[in-house]
């Protein structure tokens, strides 16, 4: 899980889902999918920012971020020809030790 990997995965999803201006009979489902992707990207971004800042909150956020990452991978894999270019990056952000009090 890395910023570069998140950017690649987000770009792949945007390319496959399309622009918000696309309309059609599936517009409601497509908008729900866009919201899910935005939510996941925001959560992963928050985790990566916390890691970069050296925050002690990363221990609790890591599992959530990994779940969100896997959700994005599942969405992307629904399209034929998608090959995960970022799955190898999932374990690259090390787990942060729990803070000592």
PDB file of N, CA and C in Angstrom:
ATOM      1  N   UNK A   1       0.871  -1.163   0.000  1.00  0.00           N
ATOM      2  CA  UNK A   1       0.000   0.000   0.000  1.00  0.00           C
ATOM      3  C   UNK A   1       0.920   1.227   0.000  1.00  0.00           C
ATOM      4  N   UNK A   2       0.781   2.030  -1.018  1.00  0.00           N
ATOM      5  CA  UNK A   2       1.620   3.212  -1.160  1.00  0.00           C
ATOM      6  C   UNK A   2       0.828   4.299  -1.875  1.00  0.00           C
ATOM      7  N   UNK A   3       1.317   5.514  -1.814  1.00  0.00           N
ATOM      8  CA  UNK A   3       0.658   6.612  -2.535  1.00  0.00           C
ATOM      9  C   UNK A   3       0.652   6.335  -4.040  1.00  0.00           C
ATOM     10  N   UNK A   4       1.793   5.891  -4.550  1.00  0.00           N
ATOM     11  CA  UNK A   4       1.878   5.616  -5.987  1.00  0.00           C
ATOM     12  C   UNK A   4       0.907   4.500  -6.379  1.00  0.00           C
ATOM     13  N   UNK A   5       0.833   3.467  -5.565  1.00  0.00           N
ATOM     14  CA  UNK A   5      -0.098   2.381  -5.833  1.00  0.00           C
ATOM     15  C   UNK A   5      -1.536   2.844  -5.776  1.00  0.00           C
ATOM     16  N   UNK A   6      -1.843   3.704  -4.813  1.00  0.00           N
ATOM     17  CA  UNK A   6      -3.197   4.235  -4.693  1.00  0.00           C
ATOM     18  C   UNK A   6      -3.546   5.084  -5.907  1.00  0.00           C
ATOM     19  N   UNK A   7      -2.596   5.874  -6.388  1.00  0.00           N
ATOM     20  CA  UNK A   7      -2.839   6.691  -7.579  1.00  0.00           C
ATOM     21  C   UNK A   7      -3.093   5.811  -8.804  1.00  0.00           C
ATOM     22  N   UNK A   8      -2.304   4.739  -8.960  1.00  0.00           N
ATOM     23  CA  UNK A   8      -2.504   3.836 -10.104  1.00  0.00           C
ATOM     24  C   UNK A   8      -3.860   3.143 -10.031  1.00  0.00           C
ATOM     25  N   UNK A   9      -4.215   2.664  -8.846  1.00  0.00           N
ATOM     26  CA  UNK A   9      -5.487   1.972  -8.681  1.00  0.00           C
ATOM     27  C   UNK A   9      -6.661   2.927  -8.894  1.00  0.00           C
ATOM     28  N   UNK A  10      -6.553   4.132  -8.356  1.00  0.00           N
ATOM     29  CA  UNK A  10      -7.606   5.139  -8.533  1.00  0.00           C
ATOM     30  C   UNK A  10      -7.766   5.497 -10.009  1.00  0.00           C
ATOM     31  N   UNK A  11      -6.652   5.671 -10.708  1.00  0.00           N
ATOM     32  CA  UNK A  11      -6.721   5.999 -12.141  1.00  0.00           C
ATOM     33  C   UNK A  11      -7.371   4.868 -12.929  1.00  0.00           C
ATOM     34  N   UNK A  12      -7.026   3.618 -12.599  1.00  0.00           N
ATOM     35  CA  UNK A  12      -7.623   2.478 -13.295  1.00  0.00           C
ATOM     36  C   UNK A  12      -9.127   2.430 -13.054  1.00  0.00           C
ATOM     37  N   UNK A  13      -9.543   2.686 -11.830  1.00  0.00           N
ATOM     38  CA  UNK A  13     -10.971   2.665 -11.520  1.00  0.00           C
ATOM     39  C   UNK A  13     -11.691   3.814 -12.215  1.00  0.00           C
ATOM     40  N   UNK A  14     -11.102   4.991 -12.213  1.00  0.00           N
ATOM     41  CA  UNK A  14     -11.734   6.136 -12.867  1.00  0.00           C
ATOM     42  C   UNK A  14     -11.908   5.861 -14.357  1.00  0.00           C
ATOM     43  N   UNK A  15     -10.886   5.262 -14.955  1.00  0.00           N
ATOM     44  CA  UNK A  15     -10.951   4.938 -16.384  1.00  0.00           C
ATOM     45  C   UNK A  15     -12.092   3.953 -16.662  1.00  0.00           C
ATOM     46  N   UNK A  16     -12.260   2.985 -15.796  1.00  0.00           N
ATOM     47  CA  UNK A  16     -13.282   1.963 -16.023  1.00  0.00           C
ATOM     48  C   UNK A  16     -14.688   2.447 -15.671  1.00  0.00           C
ATOM     49  N   UNK A  17     -14.804   3.223 -14.626  1.00  0.00           N
ATOM     50  CA  UNK A  17     -16.131   3.691 -14.189  1.00  0.00           C
ATOM     51  C   UNK A  17     -16.624   4.829 -15.069  1.00  0.00           C
ATOM     52  N   UNK A  18     -15.715   5.716 -15.453  1.00  0.00           N
ATOM     53  CA  UNK A  18     -16.082   6.843 -16.307  1.00  0.00           C
ATOM     54  C   UNK A  18     -16.347   8.113 -15.516  1.00  0.00           C
ATOM     55  N   UNK A  19     -16.640   9.155 -16.249  1.00  0.00           N
ATOM     56  CA  UNK A  19     -16.887  10.465 -15.658  1.00  0.00           C
ATOM     57  C   UNK A  19     -18.284  10.544 -15.055  1.00  0.00           C
ATOM     58  N   UNK A  20     -18.462  11.418 -14.063  1.00  0.00           N
ATOM     59  CA  UNK A  20     -19.794  11.596 -13.479  1.00  0.00           C
ATOM     60  C   UNK A  20     -20.832  12.075 -14.480  1.00  0.00           C
ATOM     61  N   UNK A  21     -20.399  12.658 -15.579  1.00  0.00           N
ATOM     62  CA  UNK A  21     -21.352  13.174 -16.559  1.00  0.00           C
ATOM     63  C   UNK A  21     -22.009  12.064 -17.378  1.00  0.00           C
ATOM     64  N   UNK A  22     -21.458  10.856 -17.297  1.00  0.00           N
ATOM     65  CA  UNK A  22     -22.060   9.732 -18.024  1.00  0.00           C
ATOM     66  C   UNK A  22     -23.441   9.436 -17.446  1.00  0.00           C
ATOM     67  N   UNK A  23     -24.415   9.366 -18.303  1.00  0.00           N
ATOM     68  CA  UNK A  23     -25.792   9.092 -17.874  1.00  0.00           C
ATOM     69  C   UNK A  23     -26.283   7.844 -18.570  1.00  0.00           C
ATOM     70  N   UNK A  24     -27.297   7.266 -18.040  1.00  0.00           N
ATOM     71  CA  UNK A  24     -27.876   6.071 -18.649  1.00  0.00           C
ATOM     72  C   UNK A  24     -28.730   5.362 -17.631  1.00  0.00           C
ATOM     73  N   UNK A  25     -29.201   4.199 -18.014  1.00  0.00           N
ATOM     74  CA  UNK A  25     -30.097   3.467 -17.131  1.00  0.00           C
ATOM     75  C   UNK A  25     -29.388   2.963 -15.877  1.00  0.00           C
ATOM     76  N   UNK A  26     -28.069   2.843 -15.919  1.00  0.00           N
ATOM     77  CA  UNK A  26     -27.307   2.386 -14.762  1.00  0.00           C
ATOM     78  C   UNK A  26     -26.712   3.532 -13.952  1.00  0.00           C
ATOM     79  N   UNK A  27     -27.159   4.751 -14.186  1.00  0.00           N
ATOM     80  CA  UNK A  27     -26.563   5.925 -13.543  1.00  0.00           C
ATOM     81  C   UNK A  27     -26.585   5.832 -12.021  1.00  0.00           C
ATOM     82  N   UNK A  28     -27.656   5.323 -11.444  1.00  0.00           N
ATOM     83  CA  UNK A  28     -27.745   5.206  -9.982  1.00  0.00           C
ATOM     84  C   UNK A  28     -26.714   4.251  -9.424  1.00  0.00           C
ATOM     85  N   UNK A  29     -26.556   3.113 -10.072  1.00  0.00           N
ATOM     86  CA  UNK A  29     -25.563   2.140  -9.599  1.00  0.00           C
ATOM     87  C   UNK A  29     -24.145   2.653  -9.808  1.00  0.00           C
ATOM     88  N   UNK A  30     -23.934   3.341 -10.908  1.00  0.00           N
ATOM     89  CA  UNK A  30     -22.601   3.878 -11.181  1.00  0.00           C
ATOM     90  C   UNK A  30     -22.245   4.948 -10.160  1.00  0.00           C
ATOM     91  N   UNK A  31     -23.199   5.792  -9.812  1.00  0.00           N
ATOM     92  CA  UNK A  31     -22.927   6.835  -8.806  1.00  0.00           C
ATOM     93  C   UNK A  31     -22.638   6.208  -7.445  1.00  0.00           C
ATOM     94  N   UNK A  32     -23.347   5.157  -7.085  1.00  0.00           N
ATOM     95  CA  UNK A  32     -23.075   4.460  -5.824  1.00  0.00           C
ATOM     96  C   UNK A  32     -21.664   3.866  -5.836  1.00  0.00           C
ATOM     97  N   UNK A  33     -21.254   3.344  -6.966  1.00  0.00           N
ATOM     98  CA  UNK A  33     -19.908   2.800  -7.096  1.00  0.00           C
ATOM     99  C   UNK A  33     -18.868   3.906  -6.957  1.00  0.00           C
ATOM    100  N   UNK A  34     -19.118   5.045  -7.585  1.00  0.00           N
ATOM    101  CA  UNK A  34     -18.205   6.194  -7.449  1.00  0.00           C
ATOM    102  C   UNK A  34     -18.065   6.613  -5.984  1.00  0.00           C
ATOM    103  N   UNK A  35     -19.187   6.657  -5.267  1.00  0.00           N
ATOM    104  CA  UNK A  35     -19.144   7.033  -3.844  1.00  0.00           C
ATOM    105  C   UNK A  35     -18.317   6.031  -3.046  1.00  0.00           C
ATOM    106  N   UNK A  36     -18.492   4.750  -3.323  1.00  0.00           N
ATOM    107  CA  UNK A  36     -17.731   3.722  -2.615  1.00  0.00           C
ATOM    108  C   UNK A  36     -16.237   3.885  -2.883  1.00  0.00           C
ATOM    109  N   UNK A  37     -15.884   4.143  -4.126  1.00  0.00           N
ATOM    110  CA  UNK A  37     -14.473   4.344  -4.468  1.00  0.00           C
ATOM    111  C   UNK A  37     -13.936   5.583  -3.761  1.00  0.00           C
ATOM    112  N   UNK A  38     -14.676   6.693  -3.789  1.00  0.00           N
ATOM    113  CA  UNK A  38     -14.228   7.923  -3.107  1.00  0.00           C
ATOM    114  C   UNK A  38     -14.023   7.670  -1.620  1.00  0.00           C
ATOM    115  N   UNK A  39     -14.964   6.974  -0.988  1.00  0.00           N
ATOM    116  CA  UNK A  39     -14.868   6.672   0.439  1.00  0.00           C
ATOM    117  C   UNK A  39     -13.608   5.853   0.729  1.00  0.00           C
ATOM    118  N   UNK A  40     -13.370   4.831  -0.081  1.00  0.00           N
ATOM    119  CA  UNK A  40     -12.202   3.975   0.125  1.00  0.00           C
ATOM    120  C   UNK A  40     -10.905   4.745  -0.085  1.00  0.00           C
ATOM    121  N   UNK A  41     -10.844   5.530  -1.139  1.00  0.00           N
ATOM    122  CA  UNK A  41      -9.631   6.315  -1.415  1.00  0.00           C
ATOM    123  C   UNK A  41      -9.379   7.310  -0.282  1.00  0.00           C
ATOM    124  N   UNK A  42     -10.423   7.945   0.214  1.00  0.00           N
ATOM    125  CA  UNK A  42     -10.272   8.897   1.315  1.00  0.00           C
ATOM    126  C   UNK A  42      -9.743   8.209   2.567  1.00  0.00           C
ATOM    127  N   UNK A  43     -10.263   7.032   2.878  1.00  0.00           N
ATOM    128  CA  UNK A  43      -9.798   6.294   4.052  1.00  0.00           C
ATOM    129  C   UNK A  43      -8.348   5.862   3.933  1.00  0.00           C
ATOM    130  N   UNK A  44      -7.976   5.357   2.769  1.00  0.00           N
ATOM    131  CA  UNK A  44      -6.590   4.939   2.554  1.00  0.00           C
ATOM    132  C   UNK A  44      -5.661   6.140   2.604  1.00  0.00           C
ATOM    133  N   UNK A  45      -6.086   7.252   2.006  1.00  0.00           N
ATOM    134  CA  UNK A  45      -5.291   8.476   2.038  1.00  0.00           C
ATOM    135  C   UNK A  45      -5.074   8.952   3.472  1.00  0.00           C
ATOM    136  N   UNK A  46      -6.103   8.865   4.300  1.00  0.00           N
ATOM    137  CA  UNK A  46      -5.974   9.276   5.704  1.00  0.00           C
ATOM    138  C   UNK A  46      -4.958   8.393   6.425  1.00  0.00           C
ATOM    139  N   UNK A  47      -5.020   7.109   6.168  1.00  0.00           N
ATOM    140  CA  UNK A  47      -4.053   6.197   6.783  1.00  0.00           C
ATOM    141  C   UNK A  47      -2.631   6.530   6.335  1.00  0.00           C
ATOM    142  N   UNK A  48      -2.423   6.693   5.024  1.00  0.00           N
ATOM    143  CA  UNK A  48      -1.086   7.003   4.517  1.00  0.00           C
ATOM    144  C   UNK A  48      -0.574   8.325   5.077  1.00  0.00           C
ATOM    145  N   UNK A  49      -1.452   9.300   5.217  1.00  0.00           N
ATOM    146  CA  UNK A  49      -1.053  10.586   5.812  1.00  0.00           C
ATOM    147  C   UNK A  49      -0.629  10.409   7.261  1.00  0.00           C
ATOM    148  N   UNK A  50      -1.353   9.573   7.997  1.00  0.00           N
ATOM    149  CA  UNK A  50      -1.005   9.326   9.398  1.00  0.00           C
ATOM    150  C   UNK A  50       0.349   8.634   9.505  1.00  0.00           C
ATOM    151  N   UNK A  51       0.614   7.682   8.602  1.00  0.00           N
ATOM    152  CA  UNK A  51       1.911   6.999   8.591  1.00  0.00           C
ATOM    153  C   UNK A  51       3.015   8.000   8.299  1.00  0.00           C
ATOM    154  N   UNK A  52       2.798   8.839   7.290  1.00  0.00           N
ATOM    155  CA  UNK A  52       3.810   9.831   6.914  1.00  0.00           C
ATOM    156  C   UNK A  52       4.081  10.827   8.040  1.00  0.00           C
ATOM    157  N   UNK A  53       3.057  11.127   8.813  1.00  0.00           N
ATOM    158  CA  UNK A  53       3.210  12.082   9.912  1.00  0.00           C
ATOM    159  C   UNK A  53       3.756  11.418  11.173  1.00  0.00           C
ATOM    160  N   UNK A  54       3.883  10.089  11.155  1.00  0.00           N
ATOM    161  CA  UNK A  54       4.384   9.387  12.332  1.00  0.00           C
ATOM    162  C   UNK A  54       3.372   9.332  13.465  1.00  0.00           C
ATOM    163  N   UNK A  55       2.109   9.396  13.115  1.00  0.00           N
ATOM    164  CA  UNK A  55       1.044   9.409  14.113  1.00  0.00           C
ATOM    165  C   UNK A  55       0.919   8.071  14.828  1.00  0.00           C
ATOM    166  N   UNK A  56       0.547   8.124  16.082  1.00  0.00           N
ATOM    167  CA  UNK A  56       0.343   6.898  16.858  1.00  0.00           C
ATOM    168  C   UNK A  56      -1.002   6.253  16.554  1.00  0.00           C
ATOM    169  N   UNK A  57      -1.833   6.891  15.746  1.00  0.00           N
ATOM    170  CA  UNK A  57      -3.150   6.339  15.422  1.00  0.00           C
ATOM    171  C   UNK A  57      -3.105   5.295  14.306  1.00  0.00           C
ATOM    172  N   UNK A  58      -1.942   5.113  13.692  1.00  0.00           N
ATOM    173  CA  UNK A  58      -1.876   4.213  12.546  1.00  0.00           C
ATOM    174  C   UNK A  58      -2.150   2.761  12.902  1.00  0.00           C
ATOM    175  N   UNK A  59      -1.842   2.360  14.123  1.00  0.00           N
ATOM    176  CA  UNK A  59      -2.071   0.965  14.509  1.00  0.00           C
ATOM    177  C   UNK A  59      -3.535   0.595  14.347  1.00  0.00           C
ATOM    178  N   UNK A  60      -4.436   1.474  14.741  1.00  0.00           N
ATOM    179  CA  UNK A  60      -5.862   1.201  14.629  1.00  0.00           C
ATOM    180  C   UNK A  60      -6.412   1.377  13.231  1.00  0.00           C
ATOM    181  N   UNK A  61      -5.714   2.124  12.401  1.00  0.00           N
ATOM    182  CA  UNK A  61      -6.201   2.407  11.055  1.00  0.00           C
ATOM    183  C   UNK A  61      -5.717   1.423  10.006  1.00  0.00           C
ATOM    184  N   UNK A  62      -4.662   0.706  10.291  1.00  0.00           N
ATOM    185  CA  UNK A  62      -4.039  -0.146   9.273  1.00  0.00           C
ATOM    186  C   UNK A  62      -4.999  -1.199   8.734  1.00  0.00           C
ATOM    187  N   UNK A  63      -5.667  -1.922   9.608  1.00  0.00           N
ATOM    188  CA  UNK A  63      -6.578  -2.973   9.157  1.00  0.00           C
ATOM    189  C   UNK A  63      -7.727  -2.395   8.337  1.00  0.00           C
ATOM    190  N   UNK A  64      -8.236  -1.245   8.756  1.00  0.00           N
ATOM    191  CA  UNK A  64      -9.309  -0.603   7.990  1.00  0.00           C
ATOM    192  C   UNK A  64      -8.818  -0.209   6.609  1.00  0.00           C
ATOM    193  N   UNK A  65      -7.611   0.348   6.544  1.00  0.00           N
ATOM    194  CA  UNK A  65      -7.049   0.749   5.263  1.00  0.00           C
ATOM    195  C   UNK A  65      -6.844  -0.464   4.354  1.00  0.00           C
ATOM    196  N   UNK A  66      -6.379  -1.565   4.912  1.00  0.00           N
ATOM    197  CA  UNK A  66      -6.204  -2.779   4.115  1.00  0.00           C
ATOM    198  C   UNK A  66      -7.543  -3.304   3.602  1.00  0.00           C
ATOM    199  N   UNK A  67      -8.576  -3.242   4.431  1.00  0.00           N
ATOM    200  CA  UNK A  67      -9.910  -3.656   3.992  1.00  0.00           C
ATOM    201  C   UNK A  67     -10.396  -2.787   2.835  1.00  0.00           C
ATOM    202  N   UNK A  68     -10.170  -1.475   2.947  1.00  0.00           N
ATOM    203  CA  UNK A  68     -10.574  -0.557   1.881  1.00  0.00           C
ATOM    204  C   UNK A  68      -9.791  -0.833   0.602  1.00  0.00           C
ATOM    205  N   UNK A  69      -8.507  -1.092   0.750  1.00  0.00           N
ATOM    206  CA  UNK A  69      -7.648  -1.405  -0.397  1.00  0.00           C
ATOM    207  C   UNK A  69      -8.165  -2.653  -1.112  1.00  0.00           C
ATOM    208  N   UNK A  70      -8.472  -3.688  -0.328  1.00  0.00           N
ATOM    209  CA  UNK A  70      -8.978  -4.921  -0.917  1.00  0.00           C
ATOM    210  C   UNK A  70     -10.319  -4.688  -1.616  1.00  0.00           C
ATOM    211  N   UNK A  71     -11.150  -3.818  -1.059  1.00  0.00           N
ATOM    212  CA  UNK A  71     -12.427  -3.491  -1.702  1.00  0.00           C
ATOM    213  C   UNK A  71     -12.191  -2.837  -3.063  1.00  0.00           C
ATOM    214  N   UNK A  72     -11.236  -1.929  -3.139  1.00  0.00           N
ATOM    215  CA  UNK A  72     -10.919  -1.292  -4.420  1.00  0.00           C
ATOM    216  C   UNK A  72     -10.396  -2.320  -5.421  1.00  0.00           C
ATOM    217  N   UNK A  73      -9.562  -3.228  -4.953  1.00  0.00           N
ATOM    218  CA  UNK A  73      -9.043  -4.280  -5.827  1.00  0.00           C
ATOM    219  C   UNK A  73     -10.182  -5.153  -6.350  1.00  0.00           C
ATOM    220  N   UNK A  74     -11.144  -5.491  -5.498  1.00  0.00           N
ATOM    221  CA  UNK A  74     -12.279  -6.310  -5.939  1.00  0.00           C
ATOM    222  C   UNK A  74     -13.098  -5.578  -7.000  1.00  0.00           C
ATOM    223  N   UNK A  75     -13.315  -4.289  -6.787  1.00  0.00           N
ATOM    224  CA  UNK A  75     -14.073  -3.498  -7.767  1.00  0.00           C
ATOM    225  C   UNK A  75     -13.338  -3.500  -9.104  1.00  0.00           C
ATOM    226  N   UNK A  76     -12.036  -3.217  -9.060  1.00  0.00           N
ATOM    227  CA  UNK A  76     -11.247  -3.145 -10.291  1.00  0.00           C
ATOM    228  C   UNK A  76     -11.197  -4.490 -11.006  1.00  0.00           C
ATOM    229  N   UNK A  77     -11.158  -5.566 -10.256  1.00  0.00           N
ATOM    230  CA  UNK A  77     -11.042  -6.891 -10.869  1.00  0.00           C
ATOM    231  C   UNK A  77     -12.339  -7.335 -11.543  1.00  0.00           C
ATOM    232  N   UNK A  78     -13.418  -6.597 -11.357  1.00  0.00           N
ATOM    233  CA  UNK A  78     -14.691  -6.934 -12.004  1.00  0.00           C
ATOM    234  C   UNK A  78     -14.647  -6.688 -13.512  1.00  0.00           C
ATOM    235  N   UNK A  79     -13.684  -5.883 -13.972  1.00  0.00           N
ATOM    236  CA  UNK A  79     -13.568  -5.599 -15.399  1.00  0.00           C
ATOM    237  C   UNK A  79     -12.609  -6.593 -16.036  1.00  0.00           C
ATOM    238  N   UNK A  80     -12.981  -7.098 -17.209  1.00  0.00           N
ATOM    239  CA  UNK A  80     -12.088  -8.028 -17.913  1.00  0.00           C
ATOM    240  C   UNK A  80     -10.748  -7.354 -18.219  1.00  0.00           C
ATOM    241  N   UNK A  81      -9.700  -8.119 -18.103  1.00  0.00           N
ATOM    242  CA  UNK A  81      -8.384  -7.613 -18.451  1.00  0.00           C
ATOM    243  C   UNK A  81      -7.680  -6.864 -17.336  1.00  0.00           C
ATOM    244  N   UNK A  82      -8.343  -6.690 -16.190  1.00  0.00           N
ATOM    245  CA  UNK A  82      -7.679  -5.981 -15.096  1.00  0.00           C
ATOM    246  C   UNK A  82      -6.684  -6.916 -14.437  1.00  0.00           C
ATOM    247  N   UNK A  83      -5.468  -6.458 -14.336  1.00  0.00           N
ATOM    248  CA  UNK A  83      -4.447  -7.185 -13.600  1.00  0.00           C
ATOM    249  C   UNK A  83      -3.938  -6.257 -12.521  1.00  0.00           C
ATOM    250  N   UNK A  84      -3.975  -6.730 -11.317  1.00  0.00           N
ATOM    251  CA  UNK A  84      -3.555  -5.901 -10.200  1.00  0.00           C
ATOM    252  C   UNK A  84      -2.094  -5.515 -10.345  1.00  0.00           C
ATOM    253  N   UNK A  85      -1.873  -4.236 -10.492  1.00  0.00           N
ATOM    254  CA  UNK A  85      -0.505  -3.729 -10.570  1.00  0.00           C
ATOM    255  C   UNK A  85      -0.019  -3.297  -9.201  1.00  0.00           C
ATOM    256  N   UNK A  86      -0.908  -3.342  -8.210  1.00  0.00           N
ATOM    257  CA  UNK A  86      -0.542  -2.791  -6.913  1.00  0.00           C
ATOM    258  C   UNK A  86      -0.669  -3.784  -5.776  1.00  0.00           C
ATOM    259  N   UNK A  87      -1.104  -4.980  -6.042  1.00  0.00           N
ATOM    260  CA  UNK A  87      -1.313  -5.932  -4.960  1.00  0.00           C
ATOM    261  C   UNK A  87      -0.021  -6.212  -4.200  1.00  0.00           C
ATOM    262  N   UNK A  88       1.116  -6.178  -4.875  1.00  0.00           N
ATOM    263  CA  UNK A  88       2.386  -6.409  -4.193  1.00  0.00           C
ATOM    264  C   UNK A  88       2.714  -5.309  -3.200  1.00  0.00           C
ATOM    265  N   UNK A  89       2.110  -4.148  -3.365  1.00  0.00           N
ATOM    266  CA  UNK A  89       2.397  -3.025  -2.473  1.00  0.00           C
ATOM    267  C   UNK A  89       1.601  -3.074  -1.180  1.00  0.00           C
ATOM    268  N   UNK A  90       0.667  -3.986  -1.044  1.00  0.00           N
ATOM    269  CA  UNK A  90      -0.216  -3.989   0.118  1.00  0.00           C
ATOM    270  C   UNK A  90       0.562  -4.067   1.422  1.00  0.00           C
ATOM    271  N   UNK A  91       1.588  -4.869   1.467  1.00  0.00           N
ATOM    272  CA  UNK A  91       2.301  -5.063   2.728  1.00  0.00           C
ATOM    273  C   UNK A  91       3.481  -4.109   2.904  1.00  0.00           C
ATOM    274  N   UNK A  92       3.665  -3.154   2.028  1.00  0.00           N
ATOM    275  CA  UNK A  92       4.853  -2.310   2.092  1.00  0.00           C
ATOM    276  C   UNK A  92       4.808  -1.233   3.155  1.00  0.00           C
ATOM    277  N   UNK A  93       3.633  -0.854   3.612  1.00  0.00           N
ATOM    278  CA  UNK A  93       3.562   0.112   4.702  1.00  0.00           C
ATOM    279  C   UNK A  93       3.574  -0.699   5.979  1.00  0.00           C
ATOM    280  N   UNK A  94       4.635  -0.591   6.761  1.00  0.00           N
ATOM    281  CA  UNK A  94       4.752  -1.452   7.939  1.00  0.00           C
ATOM    282  C   UNK A  94       3.722  -1.084   9.000  1.00  0.00           C
ATOM    283  N   UNK A  95       3.330  -2.086   9.741  1.00  0.00           N
ATOM    284  CA  UNK A  95       2.422  -1.842  10.872  1.00  0.00           C
ATOM    285  C   UNK A  95       3.182  -0.997  11.885  1.00  0.00           C
ATOM    286  N   UNK A  96       2.521  -0.053  12.450  1.00  0.00           N
ATOM    287  CA  UNK A  96       3.138   0.818  13.439  1.00  0.00           C
ATOM    288  C   UNK A  96       2.933   0.223  14.830  1.00  0.00           C
ATOM    289  N   UNK A  97       3.936   0.284  15.677  1.00  0.00           N
ATOM    290  CA  UNK A  97       3.759  -0.254  17.030  1.00  0.00           C
ATOM    291  C   UNK A  97       2.731   0.573  17.797  1.00  0.00           C
ATOM    292  N   UNK A  98       2.047  -0.098  18.688  1.00  0.00           N
ATOM    293  CA  UNK A  98       1.071   0.609  19.532  1.00  0.00           C
ATOM    294  C   UNK A  98       1.823   1.560  20.451  1.00  0.00           C
ATOM    295  N   UNK A  99       1.252   2.720  20.701  1.00  0.00           N
ATOM    296  CA  UNK A  99       1.940   3.675  21.576  1.00  0.00           C
ATOM    297  C   UNK A  99       2.031   3.137  22.993  1.00  0.00           C
ATOM    298  N   UNK A 100       3.106   3.483  23.657  1.00  0.00           N
ATOM    299  CA  UNK A 100       3.300   3.090  25.061  1.00  0.00           C
ATOM    300  C   UNK A 100       2.860   4.245  25.952  1.00  0.00           C
ATOM    301  N   UNK A 101       2.117   3.909  26.946  1.00  0.00           N
ATOM    302  CA  UNK A 101       1.645   4.941  27.884  1.00  0.00           C
ATOM    303  C   UNK A 101       2.309   4.795  29.224  1.00  0.00           C
TER     304      UNK A 101
END
